[in-house]
Amino acid sequence: MDDIRIQESAELTPAQRDAIIAPLGRFSTDRGFPFRPEQVSLVLERGGEVLGGLIGATNWDWLHIEILSVDERLRGGGWGRRLVEAAEAVARQRGCVGAWVDTFSFQSPGFYERIGYAVFGELPSYPGAERRIFLRKML
């Protein structure tokens, strides 16, 4: 055990990531909760130009929205709502019961609240005087 060390890595390879996740996946599976996230990827595009989209994953009956982005030229046109609704539809098809997202006080908590999400947690001073806000919605 003397040759074991902790090493910082600027970027993980896919093999390293899989190796790090594997013990946790086995632990969860042994307890009846297999770790099998399925990607949700929605692209907002016009004529081949990507104008935003949504990146997320479903696992353990929940959708996690990781990224929602809409080009500033399209903001206010309902595209963010449509992307979230499309992701929620995918989640329902996969048997999910809820969705969650985290955002920042300077970004879009009001947007998520307007479409039915409720705050369930916050981290203060993240970053500076701002807050990281966690929201959820039952599907």
Protein backbone atom coordinates (compact mmCIF):
# COMPACT_ATOMS: atom_id res chain seq x y z
CA MET A 1 0.00 0.00 0.00
CA ASP A 2 3.00 2.33 0.22
CA ASP A 3 2.97 2.83 -3.56
CA ILE A 4 -0.60 4.22 -3.67
CA ARG A 5 -0.77 7.97 -4.31
CA ILE A 6 -3.23 10.68 -5.13
CA GLN A 7 -2.56 12.39 -8.44
CA GLU A 8 -4.31 15.43 -9.87
CA SER A 9 -5.44 15.08 -13.48
CA ALA A 10 -6.28 18.10 -15.63
CA GLU A 11 -8.53 15.94 -17.81
CA LEU A 12 -9.71 12.38 -17.39
CA THR A 13 -9.66 9.88 -20.21
CA PRO A 14 -12.89 7.96 -20.74
CA ALA A 15 -11.16 4.85 -19.35
CA GLN A 16 -10.11 6.72 -16.18
CA ARG A 17 -13.63 8.08 -15.69
CA ASP A 18 -15.14 4.62 -16.13
CA ALA A 19 -12.62 3.15 -13.65
CA ILE A 20 -13.46 5.81 -11.05
CA ILE A 21 -17.21 5.29 -11.42
CA ALA A 22 -17.08 1.47 -11.50
CA PRO A 23 -16.74 0.82 -7.72
CA LEU A 24 -19.63 3.18 -6.95
CA GLY A 25 -21.71 1.53 -9.66
CA ARG A 26 -21.04 -1.93 -8.20
CA PHE A 27 -21.82 -0.67 -4.67
CA SER A 28 -25.15 0.83 -5.80
CA THR A 29 -26.07 -2.21 -7.91
CA ASP A 30 -25.39 -4.53 -4.98
CA ARG A 31 -27.98 -2.54 -3.01
CA GLY A 32 -30.61 -2.73 -5.76
CA PHE A 33 -29.89 0.58 -7.48
CA PRO A 34 -28.00 -0.06 -10.72
CA PHE A 35 -26.25 3.05 -12.01
CA ARG A 36 -27.28 3.33 -15.65
CA PRO A 37 -27.55 6.96 -16.70
CA GLU A 38 -29.00 7.51 -20.16
CA GLN A 39 -28.03 10.69 -21.99
CA VAL A 40 -30.67 13.24 -23.04
CA SER A 41 -29.29 15.46 -25.82
CA LEU A 42 -31.46 18.02 -27.60
CA VAL A 43 -30.02 20.36 -30.22
CA LEU A 44 -31.67 23.64 -31.22
CA GLU A 45 -30.55 24.39 -34.76
CA ARG A 46 -31.44 26.30 -37.89
CA GLY A 47 -29.91 25.44 -41.23
CA GLY A 48 -27.09 23.49 -39.60
CA GLU A 49 -26.22 26.29 -37.15
CA VAL A 50 -26.45 25.19 -33.53
CA LEU A 51 -28.36 27.85 -31.58
CA GLY A 52 -28.51 26.09 -28.24
CA GLY A 53 -29.79 22.93 -26.71
CA LEU A 54 -30.17 20.82 -23.61
CA ILE A 55 -27.80 18.25 -22.17
CA GLY A 56 -28.95 15.98 -19.40
CA ALA A 57 -29.36 12.42 -18.25
CA THR A 58 -31.96 10.15 -16.71
CA ASN A 59 -31.11 7.74 -13.92
CA TRP A 60 -32.97 6.28 -10.95
CA ASP A 61 -36.31 7.62 -12.22
CA TRP A 62 -35.17 11.25 -12.42
CA LEU A 63 -34.07 13.63 -15.17
CA HIS A 64 -31.07 15.82 -14.38
CA ILE A 65 -30.78 18.86 -16.64
CA GLU A 66 -27.07 19.61 -16.79
CA ILE A 67 -27.01 22.38 -19.41
CA LEU A 68 -29.73 24.48 -21.02
CA SER A 69 -28.58 27.11 -23.46
CA VAL A 70 -30.37 29.30 -25.99
CA ASP A 71 -28.58 31.75 -28.28
CA GLU A 72 -29.26 35.34 -27.22
CA ARG A 73 -30.93 36.03 -30.59
CA LEU A 74 -33.66 33.53 -29.68
CA ARG A 75 -34.13 34.32 -25.99
CA GLY A 76 -37.63 35.28 -24.98
CA GLY A 77 -39.12 33.23 -27.81
CA GLY A 78 -40.07 30.21 -25.73
CA TRP A 79 -37.23 28.00 -26.94
CA GLY A 80 -35.89 27.30 -23.46
CA ARG A 81 -39.34 26.17 -22.31
CA ARG A 82 -39.72 23.96 -25.40
CA LEU A 83 -36.34 22.34 -24.80
CA VAL A 84 -37.16 21.61 -21.15
CA GLU A 85 -40.60 20.28 -22.08
CA ALA A 86 -39.05 18.02 -24.72
CA ALA A 87 -36.54 16.69 -22.17
CA GLU A 88 -39.35 16.12 -19.67
CA ALA A 89 -41.26 14.17 -22.34
CA VAL A 90 -38.22 11.94 -22.90
CA ALA A 91 -37.94 11.47 -19.14
CA ARG A 92 -41.61 10.48 -18.84
CA GLN A 93 -41.16 7.95 -21.66
CA ARG A 94 -38.29 6.48 -19.64
CA GLY A 95 -40.48 6.22 -16.54
CA CYS A 96 -39.08 9.18 -14.63
CA VAL A 97 -41.07 10.69 -11.78
CA GLY A 98 -39.22 14.00 -11.52
CA ALA A 99 -36.62 16.39 -12.90
CA TRP A 100 -33.99 18.51 -11.21
CA VAL A 101 -31.58 21.22 -12.24
CA ASP A 102 -29.09 23.55 -10.65
CA THR A 103 -28.53 27.12 -11.76
CA PHE A 104 -27.17 30.34 -10.33
CA SER A 105 -28.89 33.41 -8.90
CA PHE A 106 -27.43 35.47 -11.77
CA GLN A 107 -28.68 33.04 -14.42
CA SER A 108 -32.14 31.52 -14.62
CA PRO A 109 -33.88 30.48 -11.38
CA GLY A 110 -36.92 32.58 -12.30
CA PHE A 111 -37.23 30.81 -15.65
CA TYR A 112 -37.38 27.41 -13.98
CA GLU A 113 -39.84 28.61 -11.34
CA ARG A 114 -42.14 29.96 -14.07
CA ILE A 115 -42.27 26.50 -15.68
CA GLY A 116 -43.12 24.68 -12.47
CA TYR A 117 -39.80 24.01 -10.74
CA ALA A 118 -39.42 24.67 -7.01
CA VAL A 119 -36.26 25.46 -5.06
CA PHE A 120 -35.10 22.65 -2.78
CA GLY A 121 -31.63 23.85 -1.88
CA GLU A 122 -29.03 26.59 -2.18
CA LEU A 123 -25.30 27.07 -1.77
CA PRO A 124 -24.40 30.58 -0.61
CA SER A 125 -21.34 32.48 -1.85
CA TYR A 126 -21.20 30.43 -5.05
CA PRO A 127 -19.67 32.43 -6.70
CA GLY A 128 -18.94 35.51 -4.62
CA ALA A 129 -22.16 37.07 -3.36
CA GLU A 130 -24.27 34.91 -5.71
CA ARG A 131 -25.97 31.57 -4.94
CA ARG A 132 -26.13 28.18 -6.63
CA ILE A 133 -29.78 27.16 -6.61
CA PHE A 134 -31.20 23.62 -6.90
CA LEU A 135 -34.73 23.18 -8.26
CA ARG A 136 -36.99 20.19 -8.83
CA LYS A 137 -40.28 19.35 -10.51
CA MET A 138 -42.41 16.25 -10.22
CA LEU A 139 -43.38 14.94 -13.65
